Amino acid sequence: MKNNQEKFNTVISKNTFYFYNKKFEEAYEGYVNSIKETLLVLKNQVQNRGLKRELFEDLICKKENGLRALLALTGFSNESLKRLITFMRIVDDPELNALIYKEKWITEAEINDRDNIKEWSDNRIQKKIRENEFFSKGLVNIFFEGSTIPILSKALPLFELKKLSISKLNFEIDALIDTLIRYKEKGSYSGKKENNPETVIEKILNEMKIGFGKGDLGELISNAPDKKRTMDFIIPDKTNPKIIIECSYLVTTSSGQGDKSKTEISIDSLIKKHYPEAHFWGFVDGIGWYVRKNDLKRMVTAYEDVFTFHEKELERFKQLLKEVLG
């Protein structure tokens, strides 16, 4: 058996620095090159024939990696596309419906049961593109005209809306540089505090001159150190909490949503035990929860009340703060 220093030395002296599987690298390089070549051919077609929607319809319908190539050109991620398609299926807006030929590909079942719509997989989207020309035409129209549709302008963050640009489809240099920058800055953009919906709650509390703290609750540290978690808002303070708020805004979906709902239910039990007079509220919002109904149903049971960031819900939140705090 090696001692700790020997084990430490093994990691340092025998470090491979970067792991890679040569066969996988070669195969994936072929995939990347395929997308690059597809875009180069498309660029030539656009230059020779002009910017025509038919070129992009053929791209996503006839090329194996056509849709991926279109996403690479615009900087629109695959996950963002799936969320957008879900949004298109849920929302009933005349202008958007006409742009995407919605009545030509939406099913009667989805129209009648919009609240229980589940997100489509990549395979389902590709199958729909191949089998329904109106769906593929509507998808291309989104990239051509999506930024002009009021409901999309209101729903999509400007960072994402800017990706739906004709100049990108026309391979204009400024637009391609914009795509590169947005790829590079996506992580930084997502991580900025100002982009966190919790700032909306902070602003409301500050405007109402309501004191609050964040972090761990003393009784949970003492009595349930393995189960406690950091709280997003503790009003007015950790010593005598009257309201405890947790915020979960999800744009993406993940298997961890089920675990998160279980954790919140566990926290609710701890709060009821150690802080029986405190109110436990949740802000639960975002399309990521909308399409994971079973996890959402479990999640909301953890809270005494639940709010979204809708304007009317924020007003209800303010009113309830006044009633509870006096």
Protein backbone atom coordinates (compact mmCIF):
# COMPACT_ATOMS: atom_id res chain seq x y z
CA MET A 1 0.00 0.00 0.00
CA LYS A 2 1.29 3.47 -0.86
CA ASN A 3 1.27 6.20 1.71
CA ASN A 4 -0.43 9.53 0.99
CA GLN A 5 2.71 11.22 -0.26
CA GLU A 6 3.42 8.37 -2.67
CA LYS A 7 -0.13 8.50 -3.99
CA PHE A 8 0.19 12.25 -4.41
CA ASN A 9 3.49 11.80 -6.26
CA THR A 10 1.92 9.21 -8.57
CA VAL A 11 -0.72 11.68 -9.73
CA ILE A 12 1.89 14.39 -10.26
CA SER A 13 4.61 12.34 -11.92
CA LYS A 14 2.37 10.13 -14.08
CA ASN A 15 -0.16 12.78 -15.04
CA THR A 16 -1.38 12.49 -18.65
CA PHE A 17 -2.68 16.10 -18.54
CA TYR A 18 -5.46 15.61 -21.11
CA PHE A 19 -7.39 12.42 -21.72
CA TYR A 20 -8.55 11.60 -25.21
CA ASN A 21 -9.66 8.54 -27.11
CA LYS A 22 -7.93 8.57 -30.48
CA LYS A 23 -10.63 6.65 -32.34
CA PHE A 24 -13.35 8.83 -30.88
CA GLU A 25 -11.38 12.00 -31.74
CA GLU A 26 -11.00 10.89 -35.35
CA ALA A 27 -14.68 10.00 -35.65
CA TYR A 28 -15.81 13.27 -34.08
CA GLU A 29 -13.42 15.24 -36.26
CA GLY A 30 -15.22 13.70 -39.23
CA TYR A 31 -18.53 14.93 -37.83
CA VAL A 32 -17.17 18.46 -37.32
CA ASN A 33 -15.66 18.49 -40.81
CA SER A 34 -18.99 17.35 -42.26
CA ILE A 35 -20.75 20.34 -40.72
CA LYS A 36 -18.02 22.69 -41.93
CA GLU A 37 -18.22 21.37 -45.49
CA THR A 38 -22.01 21.54 -45.41
CA LEU A 39 -21.83 25.21 -44.44
CA LEU A 40 -19.24 25.96 -47.12
CA VAL A 41 -21.50 24.44 -49.79
CA LEU A 42 -24.45 26.41 -48.38
CA LYS A 43 -22.39 29.61 -48.45
CA ASN A 44 -21.63 29.11 -52.13
CA GLN A 45 -25.29 28.41 -52.89
CA VAL A 46 -26.37 31.60 -51.10
CA GLN A 47 -23.76 33.63 -52.99
CA ASN A 48 -24.73 32.15 -56.36
CA ARG A 49 -28.51 31.93 -56.00
CA GLY A 50 -29.27 34.55 -53.36
CA LEU A 51 -30.70 34.15 -49.85
CA LYS A 52 -33.62 31.79 -50.45
CA ARG A 53 -35.59 29.90 -47.84
CA GLU A 54 -35.66 26.85 -50.08
CA LEU A 55 -31.91 26.43 -49.60
CA PHE A 56 -32.34 26.15 -45.85
CA GLU A 57 -35.38 23.89 -46.15
CA ASP A 58 -33.28 21.53 -48.29
CA LEU A 59 -30.45 21.86 -45.79
CA ILE A 60 -32.42 20.61 -42.78
CA CYS A 61 -34.53 18.09 -44.74
CA LYS A 62 -31.92 16.47 -46.98
CA LYS A 63 -28.62 16.78 -45.14
CA GLU A 64 -27.93 14.41 -42.24
CA ASN A 65 -26.33 17.16 -40.18
CA GLY A 66 -28.24 19.99 -41.82
CA LEU A 67 -30.06 21.17 -38.72
CA ARG A 68 -26.83 21.06 -36.70
CA ALA A 69 -25.17 23.13 -39.40
CA LEU A 70 -27.93 25.74 -39.24
CA LEU A 71 -27.57 25.93 -35.46
CA ALA A 72 -23.80 26.31 -35.78
CA LEU A 73 -24.23 29.13 -38.29
CA THR A 74 -26.60 31.08 -36.05
CA GLY A 75 -25.13 30.15 -32.67
CA PHE A 76 -28.48 28.74 -31.52
CA SER A 77 -27.88 25.76 -29.24
CA ASN A 78 -29.69 22.46 -29.65
CA GLU A 79 -31.17 22.80 -26.16
CA SER A 80 -32.44 26.30 -26.96
CA LEU A 81 -34.05 24.99 -30.15
CA LYS A 82 -35.88 22.26 -28.22
CA ARG A 83 -37.17 24.86 -25.74
CA LEU A 84 -38.25 27.10 -28.61
CA ILE A 85 -40.14 24.28 -30.35
CA THR A 86 -41.90 23.51 -27.06
CA PHE A 87 -42.81 27.20 -26.75
CA MET A 88 -44.17 27.18 -30.30
CA ARG A 89 -46.36 24.17 -29.50
CA ILE A 90 -47.69 25.66 -26.25
CA VAL A 91 -48.38 29.26 -27.21
CA ASP A 92 -51.41 30.20 -29.28
CA ASP A 93 -50.48 33.42 -31.06
CA PRO A 94 -51.99 34.21 -34.50
CA GLU A 95 -48.87 35.85 -35.97
CA LEU A 96 -46.54 33.13 -34.72
CA ASN A 97 -48.96 30.39 -35.76
CA ALA A 98 -49.09 31.76 -39.31
CA LEU A 99 -45.29 32.07 -39.56
CA ILE A 100 -44.70 28.45 -38.57
CA TYR A 101 -47.75 26.94 -40.36
CA LYS A 102 -48.76 25.55 -37.00
CA GLU A 103 -52.14 24.20 -38.05
CA LYS A 104 -50.38 22.05 -40.66
CA TRP A 105 -48.32 20.04 -38.17
CA ILE A 106 -49.77 20.41 -34.67
CA THR A 107 -51.98 17.48 -33.66
CA GLU A 108 -55.53 17.76 -32.38
CA ALA A 109 -54.48 16.02 -29.18
CA GLU A 110 -51.84 18.67 -28.47
CA ILE A 111 -54.32 21.47 -29.12
CA ASN A 112 -56.81 19.98 -26.68
CA ASP A 113 -54.25 19.06 -24.03
CA ARG A 114 -51.69 21.87 -24.25
CA ASP A 115 -50.97 21.81 -20.50
CA ASN A 116 -49.60 18.25 -20.68
CA ILE A 117 -47.31 18.70 -23.67
CA LYS A 118 -43.98 16.90 -23.30
CA GLU A 119 -40.77 18.05 -24.89
CA TRP A 120 -39.75 16.41 -28.16
CA SER A 121 -36.50 14.48 -28.38
CA ASP A 122 -33.88 15.19 -31.05
CA ASN A 123 -35.05 12.13 -32.99
CA ARG A 124 -38.67 13.27 -32.84
CA ILE A 125 -37.72 16.70 -34.21
CA GLN A 126 -35.68 15.20 -37.04
CA LYS A 127 -38.53 12.81 -37.89
CA LYS A 128 -41.01 15.69 -37.98
CA ILE A 129 -38.70 17.65 -40.28
CA ARG A 130 -38.45 14.74 -42.70
CA GLU A 131 -42.13 13.84 -42.67
CA ASN A 132 -43.86 17.22 -42.60
CA GLU A 133 -42.75 19.90 -45.05
CA PHE A 134 -44.76 22.58 -43.23
CA PHE A 135 -42.91 21.94 -39.99
CA SER A 136 -39.55 22.31 -41.76
CA LYS A 137 -40.76 25.44 -43.55
CA GLY A 138 -41.99 26.90 -40.27
CA LEU A 139 -38.69 26.13 -38.59
CA VAL A 140 -36.76 27.90 -41.34
CA ASN A 141 -39.16 30.86 -41.10
CA ILE A 142 -38.26 31.22 -37.43
CA PHE A 143 -34.61 31.77 -38.35
CA PHE A 144 -35.61 34.21 -41.10
CA GLU A 145 -38.31 36.22 -39.31
CA GLY A 146 -38.50 35.07 -35.69
CA SER A 147 -36.99 38.27 -34.32
CA THR A 148 -39.85 40.29 -35.87
CA ILE A 149 -42.62 38.40 -34.06
CA PRO A 150 -43.74 40.36 -30.96
CA ILE A 151 -44.44 37.33 -28.78
CA LEU A 152 -40.95 35.92 -29.44
CA SER A 153 -39.38 39.34 -28.89
CA LYS A 154 -41.07 39.43 -25.50
CA ALA A 155 -40.41 35.82 -24.50
CA LEU A 156 -36.82 35.27 -25.66
CA PRO A 157 -33.88 36.97 -23.93
CA LEU A 158 -32.27 39.51 -26.25
CA PHE A 159 -29.05 37.45 -26.14
CA GLU A 160 -30.94 34.57 -27.82
CA LEU A 161 -33.24 36.67 -30.02
CA LYS A 162 -30.23 38.27 -31.74
CA LYS A 163 -29.28 34.83 -33.07
CA LEU A 164 -32.38 34.79 -35.27
CA SER A 165 -30.89 37.06 -37.88
CA ILE A 166 -31.02 37.12 -41.69
CA SER A 167 -27.50 38.53 -41.76
CA LYS A 168 -26.22 35.29 -40.20
CA LEU A 169 -28.01 33.25 -42.83
CA ASN A 170 -26.42 35.45 -45.48
CA PHE A 171 -22.95 34.65 -44.10
CA GLU A 172 -22.17 38.31 -43.45
CA ILE A 173 -18.82 38.71 -41.68
CA ASP A 174 -20.16 40.92 -38.88
CA ALA A 175 -22.90 38.41 -38.19
CA LEU A 176 -20.49 35.46 -38.12
CA ILE A 177 -18.26 37.35 -35.68
CA ASP A 178 -21.36 37.96 -33.56
CA THR A 179 -22.01 34.19 -33.56
CA LEU A 180 -18.45 33.50 -32.41
CA ILE A 181 -18.73 36.04 -29.59
CA ARG A 182 -22.05 34.67 -28.37
CA TYR A 183 -20.66 31.11 -28.37
CA LYS A 184 -17.68 32.32 -26.35
CA GLU A 185 -19.65 34.43 -23.88
CA LYS A 186 -22.65 32.13 -23.35
CA GLY A 187 -21.30 30.70 -20.09
CA SER A 188 -20.30 34.09 -18.74
CA TYR A 189 -23.67 35.56 -19.75
CA SER A 190 -25.57 32.77 -18.00
CA GLY A 191 -23.50 33.10 -14.85
CA LYS A 192 -23.86 36.85 -14.35
CA LYS A 193 -25.69 37.78 -11.17
CA GLU A 194 -27.75 40.36 -13.05
CA ASN A 195 -29.10 37.54 -15.23
CA ASN A 196 -30.33 35.63 -12.18
CA PRO A 197 -34.08 35.98 -11.50
CA GLU A 198 -33.28 36.20 -7.78
CA THR A 199 -32.33 39.81 -8.43
CA VAL A 200 -36.03 40.51 -9.09
CA ILE A 201 -36.86 39.30 -5.58
CA GLU A 202 -33.98 41.31 -4.11
CA LYS A 203 -35.22 44.46 -5.82
CA ILE A 204 -38.74 44.00 -4.47
CA LEU A 205 -37.49 43.46 -0.92
CA ASN A 206 -35.19 46.47 -1.11
CA GLU A 207 -37.92 48.71 -2.53
CA MET A 208 -40.25 47.60 0.27
CA LYS A 209 -37.43 48.17 2.79
CA ILE A 210 -37.68 44.58 4.01
CA GLY A 211 -34.54 43.16 5.57
CA PHE A 212 -33.31 39.73 4.50
CA GLY A 213 -30.37 37.39 4.71
CA LYS A 214 -29.09 34.36 2.81
CA GLY A 215 -27.33 31.18 3.82
CA ASP A 216 -27.77 28.48 6.46
CA LEU A 217 -30.30 28.46 9.26
CA GLY A 218 -28.76 27.95 12.70
CA GLU A 219 -31.16 25.27 13.92
CA LEU A 220 -30.63 23.21 10.79
CA ILE A 221 -26.85 23.46 11.11
CA SER A 222 -27.12 22.16 14.69
CA ASN A 223 -29.79 19.52 14.20
CA ALA A 224 -29.57 18.42 10.56
CA PRO A 225 -26.10 19.32 9.21
CA ASP A 226 -26.26 16.61 6.52
CA LYS A 227 -29.70 17.61 5.27
CA LYS A 228 -29.65 21.40 5.54
CA ARG A 229 -29.07 23.60 2.52
CA THR A 230 -28.31 27.22 1.81
CA MET A 231 -31.48 29.29 1.67
CA ASP A 232 -31.96 31.92 -1.03
CA PHE A 233 -33.86 34.42 1.14
CA ILE A 234 -34.43 34.52 4.89
CA ILE A 235 -36.76 37.31 6.03
CA PRO A 236 -36.06 39.33 8.11
CA ASP A 237 -32.96 37.50 9.42
CA LYS A 238 -31.53 34.08 10.32
CA THR A 239 -32.18 34.50 14.05
CA ASN A 240 -35.93 34.98 13.76
CA PRO A 241 -37.05 33.93 10.27
CA LYS A 242 -40.65 34.72 9.39
CA ILE A 243 -40.42 33.89 5.69
CA ILE A 244 -37.99 31.55 3.92
CA ILE A 245 -37.86 31.63 0.13
CA GLU A 246 -36.27 29.27 -2.38
CA CYS A 247 -35.95 30.17 -6.06
CA SER A 248 -35.80 27.66 -8.94
CA TYR A 249 -35.97 29.08 -12.47
CA LEU A 250 -35.17 26.43 -15.07
CA VAL A 251 -34.89 26.95 -18.81
CA THR A 252 -33.31 23.56 -19.44
CA THR A 253 -34.50 20.16 -18.23
CA SER A 254 -32.50 17.52 -16.42
CA SER A 255 -32.90 14.28 -14.50
CA GLY A 256 -31.80 16.23 -11.41
CA GLN A 257 -35.16 17.98 -11.24
CA GLY A 258 -36.63 14.93 -9.51
CA ASP A 259 -33.86 15.00 -6.91
CA LYS A 260 -34.36 18.73 -6.41
CA SER A 261 -38.04 18.27 -5.65
CA LYS A 262 -37.23 15.54 -3.11
CA THR A 263 -34.66 17.81 -1.45
CA GLU A 264 -37.14 20.67 -1.15
CA ILE A 265 -39.74 18.37 0.43
CA SER A 266 -37.12 17.27 2.94
CA ILE A 267 -36.22 20.90 3.71
CA ASP A 268 -39.89 21.72 4.22
CA SER A 269 -40.11 19.02 6.90
CA LEU A 270 -37.04 20.40 8.67
CA ILE A 271 -38.38 23.95 8.61
CA LYS A 272 -41.74 22.86 10.00
CA LYS A 273 -39.94 21.02 12.79
CA HIS A 274 -37.38 23.66 13.78
CA TYR A 275 -39.12 26.86 12.64
CA PRO A 276 -42.84 26.08 12.94
CA GLU A 277 -43.88 29.73 12.75
CA ALA A 278 -41.99 30.44 9.53
CA HIS A 279 -43.57 30.48 6.07
CA PHE A 280 -41.75 28.51 3.35
CA TRP A 281 -42.39 29.93 -0.11
CA GLY A 282 -41.03 29.01 -3.52
CA PHE A 283 -40.44 30.81 -6.78
CA VAL A 284 -40.73 28.04 -9.38
CA ASP A 285 -40.74 29.12 -13.01
CA GLY A 286 -39.31 28.55 -16.48
CA ILE A 287 -40.08 26.27 -19.41
CA GLY A 288 -37.81 23.61 -17.86
CA TRP A 289 -40.44 23.02 -15.18
CA TYR A 290 -43.34 23.40 -17.62
CA VAL A 291 -42.28 20.32 -19.57
CA ARG A 292 -41.48 18.19 -16.49
CA LYS A 293 -44.95 18.09 -14.99
CA ASN A 294 -44.40 15.12 -12.64
CA ASP A 295 -41.32 16.70 -11.07
CA LEU A 296 -43.19 20.00 -10.85
CA LYS A 297 -46.12 18.40 -9.03
CA ARG A 298 -43.72 17.04 -6.41
CA MET A 299 -41.79 20.30 -6.22
CA VAL A 300 -44.77 22.51 -5.39
CA THR A 301 -45.85 20.28 -2.50
CA ALA A 302 -42.75 21.44 -0.60
CA TYR A 303 -43.95 25.02 -0.31
CA GLU A 304 -46.75 26.73 1.54
CA ASP A 305 -47.19 28.95 -1.51
CA VAL A 306 -45.59 29.18 -4.96
CA PHE A 307 -44.98 32.18 -7.20
CA THR A 308 -43.69 32.75 -10.73
CA PHE A 309 -42.04 35.87 -12.13
CA HIS A 310 -45.20 36.87 -14.00
CA GLU A 311 -46.18 40.49 -13.27
CA LYS A 312 -49.43 39.49 -11.56
CA GLU A 313 -47.63 36.91 -9.43
CA LEU A 314 -45.04 39.47 -8.35
CA GLU A 315 -47.85 41.79 -7.25
CA ARG A 316 -49.44 38.94 -5.31
CA PHE A 317 -46.04 38.28 -3.70
CA LYS A 318 -45.77 41.92 -2.59
CA GLN A 319 -49.27 41.86 -1.14
CA LEU A 320 -48.63 38.65 0.79
CA LEU A 321 -45.38 40.10 2.18
CA LYS A 322 -47.38 43.04 3.56
CA GLU A 323 -49.98 40.73 5.11
CA VAL A 324 -47.43 38.44 6.78
CA LEU A 325 -44.99 41.11 7.96
CA GLY A 326 -47.61 43.68 8.88
